[in-house]
PDB file of N, CA and C in Angstrom:
ATOM      1  N   MET A   1      16.268  34.397  26.278  1.00  0.00           N
ATOM      2  CA  MET A   1      15.857  34.205  25.001  1.00  0.00           C
ATOM      3  C   MET A   1      14.471  34.329  24.464  1.00  0.00           C
ATOM      4  N   HIS A   2      14.009  35.110  23.338  1.00  0.00           N
ATOM      5  CA  HIS A   2      12.146  35.064  23.060  1.00  0.00           C
ATOM      6  C   HIS A   2      11.590  34.060  24.058  1.00  0.00           C
ATOM      7  N   PRO A   3      10.238  34.743  24.481  1.00  0.00           N
ATOM      8  CA  PRO A   3       9.453  33.750  25.163  1.00  0.00           C
ATOM      9  C   PRO A   3       8.922  32.592  23.829  1.00  0.00           C
ATOM     10  N   THR A   4       8.823  33.391  22.565  1.00  0.00           N
ATOM     11  CA  THR A   4       8.438  32.307  21.478  1.00  0.00           C
ATOM     12  C   THR A   4       9.320  30.859  21.147  1.00  0.00           C
ATOM     13  N   GLU A   5      10.683  31.425  20.705  1.00  0.00           N
ATOM     14  CA  GLU A   5      11.522  30.459  21.467  1.00  0.00           C
ATOM     15  C   GLU A   5      11.273  28.991  21.788  1.00  0.00           C
ATOM     16  N   ASN A   6      11.394  27.863  21.509  1.00  0.00           N
ATOM     17  CA  ASN A   6      11.571  26.806  21.547  1.00  0.00           C
ATOM     18  C   ASN A   6      12.920  26.775  22.790  1.00  0.00           C
ATOM     19  N   LYS A   7      12.549  26.117  23.989  1.00  0.00           N
ATOM     20  CA  LYS A   7      13.469  25.990  25.331  1.00  0.00           C
ATOM     21  C   LYS A   7      14.408  24.797  24.994  1.00  0.00           C
ATOM     22  N   ASN A   8      13.849  23.613  24.048  1.00  0.00           N
ATOM     23  CA  ASN A   8      14.973  22.269  24.221  1.00  0.00           C
ATOM     24  C   ASN A   8      14.373  21.621  23.024  1.00  0.00           C
ATOM     25  N   PRO A   9      14.915  22.523  22.235  1.00  0.00           N
ATOM     26  CA  PRO A   9      15.366  22.500  20.258  1.00  0.00           C
ATOM     27  C   PRO A   9      15.432  20.497  20.450  1.00  0.00           C
ATOM     28  N   SER A  10      16.012  19.728  20.957  1.00  0.00           N
ATOM     29  CA  SER A  10      16.395  18.490  21.016  1.00  0.00           C
ATOM     30  C   SER A  10      14.470  18.027  21.345  1.00  0.00           C
ATOM     31  N   ALA A  11      13.908  17.941  22.164  1.00  0.00           N
ATOM     32  CA  ALA A  11      12.343  17.994  21.929  1.00  0.00           C
ATOM     33  C   ALA A  11      11.849  17.818  20.794  1.00  0.00           C
ATOM     34  N   SER A  12      11.808  19.180  19.790  1.00  0.00           N
ATOM     35  CA  SER A  12      10.955  19.226  18.819  1.00  0.00           C
ATOM     36  C   SER A  12      11.881  18.608  17.217  1.00  0.00           C
ATOM     37  N   ASP A  13      13.136  18.533  17.773  1.00  0.00           N
ATOM     38  CA  ASP A  13      13.708  17.141  16.834  1.00  0.00           C
ATOM     39  C   ASP A  13      13.368  16.014  16.738  1.00  0.00           C
ATOM     40  N   GLU A  14      12.779  15.593  17.666  1.00  0.00           N
ATOM     41  CA  GLU A  14      11.992  14.668  18.514  1.00  0.00           C
ATOM     42  C   GLU A  14      10.916  13.763  17.481  1.00  0.00           C
ATOM     43  N   VAL A  15       9.884  15.210  18.492  1.00  0.00           N
ATOM     44  CA  VAL A  15       8.801  15.286  17.560  1.00  0.00           C
ATOM     45  C   VAL A  15       9.074  15.338  15.996  1.00  0.00           C
ATOM     46  N   ARG A  16       9.535  15.938  15.342  1.00  0.00           N
ATOM     47  CA  ARG A  16       9.453  15.646  13.675  1.00  0.00           C
ATOM     48  C   ARG A  16       9.787  14.706  13.084  1.00  0.00           C
ATOM     49  N   GLU A  17      11.105  13.942  14.201  1.00  0.00           N
ATOM     50  CA  GLU A  17      11.189  12.736  13.611  1.00  0.00           C
ATOM     51  C   GLU A  17      10.537  11.650  13.929  1.00  0.00           C
ATOM     52  N   SER A  18       9.450  11.534  14.956  1.00  0.00           N
ATOM     53  CA  SER A  18       8.674  10.495  15.001  1.00  0.00           C
ATOM     54  C   SER A  18       7.252  11.024  14.075  1.00  0.00           C
ATOM     55  N   HIS A  19       7.031  12.560  13.447  1.00  0.00           N
ATOM     56  CA  HIS A  19       5.655  12.100  12.759  1.00  0.00           C
ATOM     57  C   HIS A  19       6.671  12.185  11.537  1.00  0.00           C
ATOM     58  N   GLU A  20       8.119  11.826  11.096  1.00  0.00           N
ATOM     59  CA  GLU A  20       8.459  11.507   9.475  1.00  0.00           C
ATOM     60  C   GLU A  20       7.989  10.252   9.643  1.00  0.00           C
ATOM     61  N   ILE A  21       9.017   9.161  10.324  1.00  0.00           N
ATOM     62  CA  ILE A  21       8.499   7.680  10.525  1.00  0.00           C
ATOM     63  C   ILE A  21       7.302   7.060  10.916  1.00  0.00           C
ATOM     64  N   PHE A  22       6.102   7.937  11.209  1.00  0.00           N
ATOM     65  CA  PHE A  22       4.678   7.963  10.787  1.00  0.00           C
ATOM     66  C   PHE A  22       4.702   7.928   9.138  1.00  0.00           C
ATOM     67  N   LEU A  23       5.076   8.931   9.344  1.00  0.00           N
ATOM     68  CA  LEU A  23       5.098   9.412   7.626  1.00  0.00           C
ATOM     69  C   LEU A  23       5.167   8.128   6.756  1.00  0.00           C
ATOM     70  N   LYS A  24       6.928   7.912   6.774  1.00  0.00           N
ATOM     71  CA  LYS A  24       7.066   6.634   6.054  1.00  0.00           C
ATOM     72  C   LYS A  24       6.927   5.332   6.323  1.00  0.00           C
ATOM     73  N   SER A  25       6.306   5.287   6.994  1.00  0.00           N
ATOM     74  CA  SER A  25       5.151   4.004   7.521  1.00  0.00           C
ATOM     75  C   SER A  25       4.158   4.185   6.634  1.00  0.00           C
ATOM     76  N   ALA A  26       3.544   5.290   7.145  1.00  0.00           N
ATOM     77  CA  ALA A  26       1.950   5.454   5.876  1.00  0.00           C
ATOM     78  C   ALA A  26       2.471   5.141   4.562  1.00  0.00           C
ATOM     79  N   ILE A  27       3.843   5.913   4.623  1.00  0.00           N
ATOM     80  CA  ILE A  27       3.640   5.616   2.462  1.00  0.00           C
ATOM     81  C   ILE A  27       4.205   4.337   1.906  1.00  0.00           C
ATOM     82  N   SER A  28       4.971   3.548   2.563  1.00  0.00           N
ATOM     83  CA  SER A  28       5.283   2.709   2.921  1.00  0.00           C
ATOM     84  C   SER A  28       3.863   0.858   2.911  1.00  0.00           C
ATOM     85  N   GLU A  29       2.691   1.329   3.412  1.00  0.00           N
ATOM     86  CA  GLU A  29       1.806   0.516   3.267  1.00  0.00           C
ATOM     87  C   GLU A  29       0.936   1.079   2.198  1.00  0.00           C
ATOM     88  N   LEU A  30       1.100   1.938   1.110  1.00  0.00           N
ATOM     89  CA  LEU A  30       0.288   1.861   0.072  1.00  0.00           C
ATOM     90  C   LEU A  30       1.101   1.203  -0.949  1.00  0.00           C
ATOM     91  N   ALA A  31       1.783   0.097  -1.128  1.00  0.00           N
ATOM     92  CA  ALA A  31       1.678  -0.563  -2.168  1.00  0.00           C
ATOM     93  C   ALA A  31       0.796  -1.693  -1.219  1.00  0.00           C
ATOM     94  N   GLN A  32       0.584  -1.754  -0.290  1.00  0.00           N
ATOM     95  CA  GLN A  32      -0.109  -3.063   0.243  1.00  0.00           C
ATOM     96  C   GLN A  32      -2.098  -3.310  -0.676  1.00  0.00           C
ATOM     97  N   LEU A  33      -2.346  -1.816  -1.044  1.00  0.00           N
ATOM     98  CA  LEU A  33      -3.485  -1.431  -1.577  1.00  0.00           C
ATOM     99  C   LEU A  33      -3.361  -1.435  -2.727  1.00  0.00           C
ATOM    100  N   TYR A  34      -4.747  -1.957  -3.218  1.00  0.00           N
ATOM    101  CA  TYR A  34      -5.020  -1.957  -5.147  1.00  0.00           C
ATOM    102  C   TYR A  34      -5.333  -0.972  -5.929  1.00  0.00           C
ATOM    103  N   GLU A  35      -4.852  -1.019  -6.425  1.00  0.00           N
ATOM    104  CA  GLU A  35      -4.977   0.043  -7.320  1.00  0.00           C
ATOM    105  C   GLU A  35      -6.517   0.174  -7.711  1.00  0.00           C
ATOM    106  N   GLY A  36      -7.134   1.528  -7.329  1.00  0.00           N
ATOM    107  CA  GLY A  36      -8.549   1.623  -7.106  1.00  0.00           C
ATOM    108  C   GLY A  36      -9.007   1.867  -6.038  1.00  0.00           C
ATOM    109  N   GLU A  37      -8.546   1.271  -5.082  1.00  0.00           N
ATOM    110  CA  GLU A  37      -9.074   1.403  -3.523  1.00  0.00           C
ATOM    111  C   GLU A  37      -9.065   2.352  -2.684  1.00  0.00           C
ATOM    112  N   THR A  38     -10.049   2.858  -2.469  1.00  0.00           N
ATOM    113  CA  THR A  38     -10.217   4.305  -1.655  1.00  0.00           C
ATOM    114  C   THR A  38      -9.561   4.429   0.058  1.00  0.00           C
ATOM    115  N   PHE A  39      -9.327   5.417   0.691  1.00  0.00           N
ATOM    116  CA  PHE A  39      -8.558   4.841   1.672  1.00  0.00           C
ATOM    117  C   PHE A  39      -8.653   6.019   2.422  1.00  0.00           C
ATOM    118  N   SER A  40      -7.967   6.341   3.924  1.00  0.00           N
ATOM    119  CA  SER A  40      -8.334   7.503   4.909  1.00  0.00           C
ATOM    120  C   SER A  40      -6.726   7.244   5.384  1.00  0.00           C
ATOM    121  N   LEU A  41      -5.849   8.425   5.939  1.00  0.00           N
ATOM    122  CA  LEU A  41      -4.469   7.584   6.076  1.00  0.00           C
ATOM    123  C   LEU A  41      -4.653   6.905   7.783  1.00  0.00           C
ATOM    124  N   SER A  42      -5.893   6.963   8.217  1.00  0.00           N
ATOM    125  CA  SER A  42      -5.950   5.927   9.878  1.00  0.00           C
ATOM    126  C   SER A  42      -6.091   4.588   8.924  1.00  0.00           C
ATOM    127  N   ASP A  43      -6.128   4.217   7.536  1.00  0.00           N
ATOM    128  CA  ASP A  43      -6.544   2.722   7.373  1.00  0.00           C
ATOM    129  C   ASP A  43      -5.162   2.310   7.284  1.00  0.00           C
ATOM    130  N   LEU A  44      -4.043   3.417   7.088  1.00  0.00           N
ATOM    131  CA  LEU A  44      -2.498   2.885   6.790  1.00  0.00           C
ATOM    132  C   LEU A  44      -2.050   2.695   8.441  1.00  0.00           C
ATOM    133  N   PHE A  45      -2.753   2.806   8.967  1.00  0.00           N
ATOM    134  CA  PHE A  45      -1.947   1.658  10.263  1.00  0.00           C
ATOM    135  C   PHE A  45      -3.028   1.150  10.783  1.00  0.00           C
ATOM    136  N   ARG A  46      -2.146  -0.112  11.712  1.00  0.00           N
ATOM    137  CA  ARG A  46      -3.187  -1.093  12.719  1.00  0.00           C
ATOM    138  C   ARG A  46      -4.746  -0.308  13.471  1.00  0.00           C
ATOM    139  N   GLY A  47      -5.119   0.087  13.844  1.00  0.00           N
ATOM    140  CA  GLY A  47      -5.891   0.677  14.805  1.00  0.00           C
ATOM    141  C   GLY A  47      -5.583   0.972  15.922  1.00  0.00           C
ATOM    142  N   TYR A  48      -4.828   0.237  16.801  1.00  0.00           N
ATOM    143  CA  TYR A  48      -3.973  -0.127  18.175  1.00  0.00           C
ATOM    144  C   TYR A  48      -2.808   1.078  17.451  1.00  0.00           C
ATOM    145  N   GLU A  49      -2.443   1.424  16.483  1.00  0.00           N
ATOM    146  CA  GLU A  49      -1.027   2.014  16.325  1.00  0.00           C
ATOM    147  C   GLU A  49      -1.829   3.534  16.470  1.00  0.00           C
ATOM    148  N   TRP A  50      -3.045   3.980  15.290  1.00  0.00           N
ATOM    149  CA  TRP A  50      -3.851   4.678  15.251  1.00  0.00           C
ATOM    150  C   TRP A  50      -3.654   5.734  16.268  1.00  0.00           C
ATOM    151  N   LYS A  51      -4.613   4.709  17.177  1.00  0.00           N
ATOM    152  CA  LYS A  51      -5.278   5.452  18.388  1.00  0.00           C
ATOM    153  C   LYS A  51      -4.166   5.925  19.470  1.00  0.00           C
ATOM    154  N   ARG A  52      -2.812   5.187  18.889  1.00  0.00           N
ATOM    155  CA  ARG A  52      -1.712   5.769  19.933  1.00  0.00           C
ATOM    156  C   ARG A  52      -1.218   7.008  19.681  1.00  0.00           C
ATOM    157  N   ILE A  53      -1.384   7.570  18.733  1.00  0.00           N
ATOM    158  CA  ILE A  53      -0.599   8.942  18.458  1.00  0.00           C
ATOM    159  C   ILE A  53      -1.872   9.642  18.295  1.00  0.00           C
ATOM    160  N   PRO A  54      -1.181  10.650  19.500  1.00  0.00           N
ATOM    161  CA  PRO A  54      -1.527  11.775  20.063  1.00  0.00           C
ATOM    162  C   PRO A  54      -2.335  12.398  18.531  1.00  0.00           C
ATOM    163  N   ILE A  55      -3.869  12.999  19.172  1.00  0.00           N
ATOM    164  CA  ILE A  55      -4.301  13.599  18.369  1.00  0.00           C
ATOM    165  C   ILE A  55      -4.105  14.601  17.748  1.00  0.00           C
ATOM    166  N   GLN A  56      -3.259  15.487  18.193  1.00  0.00           N
ATOM    167  CA  GLN A  56      -2.380  16.987  17.479  1.00  0.00           C
ATOM    168  C   GLN A  56      -1.337  16.033  16.552  1.00  0.00           C
ATOM    169  N   SER A  57      -0.511  14.772  17.372  1.00  0.00           N
ATOM    170  CA  SER A  57      -0.024  14.382  15.355  1.00  0.00           C
ATOM    171  C   SER A  57      -0.546  13.909  15.106  1.00  0.00           C
ATOM    172  N   ARG A  58      -2.398  13.095  14.945  1.00  0.00           N
ATOM    173  CA  ARG A  58      -2.477  12.753  13.887  1.00  0.00           C
ATOM    174  C   ARG A  58      -3.014  13.964  12.989  1.00  0.00           C
ATOM    175  N   THR A  59      -3.488  14.932  13.378  1.00  0.00           N
ATOM    176  CA  THR A  59      -3.885  16.179  12.125  1.00  0.00           C
ATOM    177  C   THR A  59      -2.619  16.641  11.678  1.00  0.00           C
ATOM    178  N   LEU A  60      -1.499  16.982  12.201  1.00  0.00           N
ATOM    179  CA  LEU A  60       0.245  16.901  11.832  1.00  0.00           C
ATOM    180  C   LEU A  60       0.268  15.969  10.166  1.00  0.00           C
ATOM    181  N   LEU A  61       0.003  15.007  11.164  1.00  0.00           N
ATOM    182  CA  LEU A  61       0.597  13.721  10.217  1.00  0.00           C
ATOM    183  C   LEU A  61      -0.069  14.072   9.099  1.00  0.00           C
ATOM    184  N   GLY A  62      -1.629  14.427   8.605  1.00  0.00           N
ATOM    185  CA  GLY A  62      -2.545  14.498   8.045  1.00  0.00           C
ATOM    186  C   GLY A  62      -2.056  14.971   6.744  1.00  0.00           C
ATOM    187  N   ARG A  63      -1.627  16.493   7.637  1.00  0.00           N
ATOM    188  CA  ARG A  63      -1.350  17.601   6.595  1.00  0.00           C
ATOM    189  C   ARG A  63       0.200  17.153   5.832  1.00  0.00           C
ATOM    190  N   TYR A  64       0.690  16.586   6.555  1.00  0.00           N
ATOM    191  CA  TYR A  64       1.955  15.902   6.109  1.00  0.00           C
ATOM    192  C   TYR A  64       1.934  15.502   4.269  1.00  0.00           C
ATOM    193  N   PHE A  65       0.883  13.811   4.998  1.00  0.00           N
ATOM    194  CA  PHE A  65       0.417  13.140   3.798  1.00  0.00           C
ATOM    195  C   PHE A  65      -0.345  13.381   2.680  1.00  0.00           C
ATOM    196  N   LEU A  66      -1.322  14.805   3.014  1.00  0.00           N
ATOM    197  CA  LEU A  66      -1.735  15.934   2.099  1.00  0.00           C
ATOM    198  C   LEU A  66      -0.668  16.093   1.223  1.00  0.00           C
ATOM    199  N   ASP A  67       0.333  17.241   2.446  1.00  0.00           N
ATOM    200  CA  ASP A  67       1.254  17.767   1.219  1.00  0.00           C
ATOM    201  C   ASP A  67       2.061  16.357   0.394  1.00  0.00           C
ATOM    202  N   PHE A  68       2.686  15.033   1.176  1.00  0.00           N
ATOM    203  CA  PHE A  68       3.176  14.720  -0.098  1.00  0.00           C
ATOM    204  C   PHE A  68       1.993  13.811  -0.667  1.00  0.00           C
ATOM    205  N   ALA A  69       0.723  13.685  -0.993  1.00  0.00           N
ATOM    206  CA  ALA A  69      -0.366  13.450  -1.967  1.00  0.00           C
ATOM    207  C   ALA A  69       0.008  14.428  -2.963  1.00  0.00           C
ATOM    208  N   CYS A  70       0.101  15.663  -2.814  1.00  0.00           N
ATOM    209  CA  CYS A  70       0.634  16.459  -3.262  1.00  0.00           C
ATOM    210  C   CYS A  70       0.994  16.922  -4.382  1.00  0.00           C
ATOM    211  N   LYS A  71       1.975  16.276  -3.737  1.00  0.00           N
ATOM    212  CA  LYS A  71       4.200  16.444  -4.371  1.00  0.00           C
ATOM    213  C   LYS A  71       3.410  15.053  -5.911  1.00  0.00           C
ATOM    214  N   GLU A  72       4.891  15.555  -6.900  1.00  0.00           N
ATOM    215  CA  GLU A  72       4.323  14.780  -8.044  1.00  0.00           C
ATOM    216  C   GLU A  72       5.128  13.082  -7.332  1.00  0.00           C
ATOM    217  N   GLU A  73       5.436  13.290  -6.033  1.00  0.00           N
ATOM    218  CA  GLU A  73       5.653  11.183  -6.140  1.00  0.00           C
ATOM    219  C   GLU A  73       4.439  10.677  -5.823  1.00  0.00           C
ATOM    220  N   GLY A  74       3.969  11.698  -4.566  1.00  0.00           N
ATOM    221  CA  GLY A  74       2.494  11.204  -4.515  1.00  0.00           C
ATOM    222  C   GLY A  74       1.376  10.977  -5.287  1.00  0.00           C
ATOM    223  N   LYS A  75       1.378  12.285  -6.225  1.00  0.00           N
ATOM    224  CA  LYS A  75       0.325  12.398  -7.601  1.00  0.00           C
ATOM    225  C   LYS A  75       0.844  10.546  -8.117  1.00  0.00           C
ATOM    226  N   GLN A  76       1.818  10.358  -8.318  1.00  0.00           N
ATOM    227  CA  GLN A  76       2.059   8.700  -8.903  1.00  0.00           C
ATOM    228  C   GLN A  76       1.425   7.796  -8.441  1.00  0.00           C
ATOM    229  N   LEU A  77       1.363   8.266  -6.544  1.00  0.00           N
ATOM    230  CA  LEU A  77       0.299   6.628  -6.146  1.00  0.00           C
ATOM    231  C   LEU A  77      -0.527   6.874  -6.440  1.00  0.00           C
ATOM    232  N   ILE A  78      -1.133   7.909  -5.237  1.00  0.00           N
ATOM    233  CA  ILE A  78      -2.098   8.218  -4.197  1.00  0.00           C
ATOM    234  C   ILE A  78      -3.505   9.530  -5.494  1.00  0.00           C
ATOM    235  N   GLY A  79      -4.778   9.621  -5.461  1.00  0.00           N
ATOM    236  CA  GLY A  79      -5.425  10.787  -5.487  1.00  0.00           C
ATOM    237  C   GLY A  79      -6.065  11.138  -5.411  1.00  0.00           C
ATOM    238  N   ILE A  80      -6.657  11.839  -4.611  1.00  0.00           N
ATOM    239  CA  ILE A  80      -7.049  12.723  -3.516  1.00  0.00           C
ATOM    240  C   ILE A  80      -8.475  13.302  -3.840  1.00  0.00           C
ATOM    241  N   LEU A  81      -9.443  12.679  -3.145  1.00  0.00           N
ATOM    242  CA  LEU A  81     -11.164  12.587  -3.545  1.00  0.00           C
ATOM    243  C   LEU A  81     -11.181  13.396  -2.391  1.00  0.00           C
ATOM    244  N   ASN A  82     -11.887  14.303  -3.094  1.00  0.00           N
ATOM    245  CA  ASN A  82     -12.684  15.679  -1.836  1.00  0.00           C
ATOM    246  C   ASN A  82     -14.282  15.699  -1.698  1.00  0.00           C
ATOM    247  N   GLY A  83     -14.509  15.668  -0.120  1.00  0.00           N
ATOM    248  CA  GLY A  83     -15.767  15.164   0.264  1.00  0.00           C
ATOM    249  C   GLY A  83     -16.123  15.979   1.704  1.00  0.00           C
ATOM    250  N   PRO A  84     -17.315  15.532   2.241  1.00  0.00           N
ATOM    251  CA  PRO A  84     -17.404  16.086   3.551  1.00  0.00           C
ATOM    252  C   PRO A  84     -16.285  14.665   4.638  1.00  0.00           C
ATOM    253  N   GLY A  85     -15.902  15.015   6.060  1.00  0.00           N
ATOM    254  CA  GLY A  85     -15.809  14.508   6.836  1.00  0.00           C
ATOM    255  C   GLY A  85     -13.785  14.805   6.397  1.00  0.00           C
ATOM    256  N   ARG A  86     -13.861  12.952   7.043  1.00  0.00           N
ATOM    257  CA  ARG A  86     -12.659  12.699   6.857  1.00  0.00           C
ATOM    258  C   ARG A  86     -12.009  13.083   5.350  1.00  0.00           C
ATOM    259  N   GLN A  87     -10.470  13.546   4.600  1.00  0.00           N
ATOM    260  CA  GLN A  87      -9.923  13.349   3.942  1.00  0.00           C
ATOM    261  C   GLN A  87      -9.772  11.951   3.338  1.00  0.00           C
ATOM    262  N   ARG A  88     -10.011  11.491   2.042  1.00  0.00           N
ATOM    263  CA  ARG A  88     -10.254  10.584   1.740  1.00  0.00           C
ATOM    264  C   ARG A  88      -9.192  10.308   0.038  1.00  0.00           C
ATOM    265  N   TYR A  89      -8.178   9.145   0.160  1.00  0.00           N
ATOM    266  CA  TYR A  89      -7.676   9.393  -0.985  1.00  0.00           C
ATOM    267  C   TYR A  89      -7.634   8.024  -2.044  1.00  0.00           C
ATOM    268  N   VAL A  90      -7.551   7.456  -3.145  1.00  0.00           N
ATOM    269  CA  VAL A  90      -7.570   6.642  -3.566  1.00  0.00           C
ATOM    270  C   VAL A  90      -5.906   5.986  -4.525  1.00  0.00           C
ATOM    271  N   ARG A  91      -5.516   4.867  -4.272  1.00  0.00           N
ATOM    272  CA  ARG A  91      -4.489   4.613  -4.635  1.00  0.00           C
ATOM    273  C   ARG A  91      -4.674   4.149  -6.812  1.00  0.00           C
ATOM    274  N   ARG A  92      -3.667   4.533  -6.552  1.00  0.00           N
ATOM    275  CA  ARG A  92      -3.529   4.680  -8.732  1.00  0.00           C
ATOM    276  C   ARG A  92      -2.832   3.661  -8.761  1.00  0.00           C
TER     277      ARG A  92
END
């Protein structure tokens, strides 16, 4: 086995599945926002839920959410506001 290969592929599958669950949860919360409302990804989770997600996972989840926002389905729901600090979005 090559040193860079994952020795436990089921663990990576579990991590990927948990990120997909978090992403689906965030996307479903978009329906609760008003048109024109600005938000960050963390706003789509209850405070204690967001804090329970490990920091590395939050970063990866942020990338997945930004990727979703850039795709056609996401563009219909949200716009991206560029600025300093955390990524901000607006509900369309």
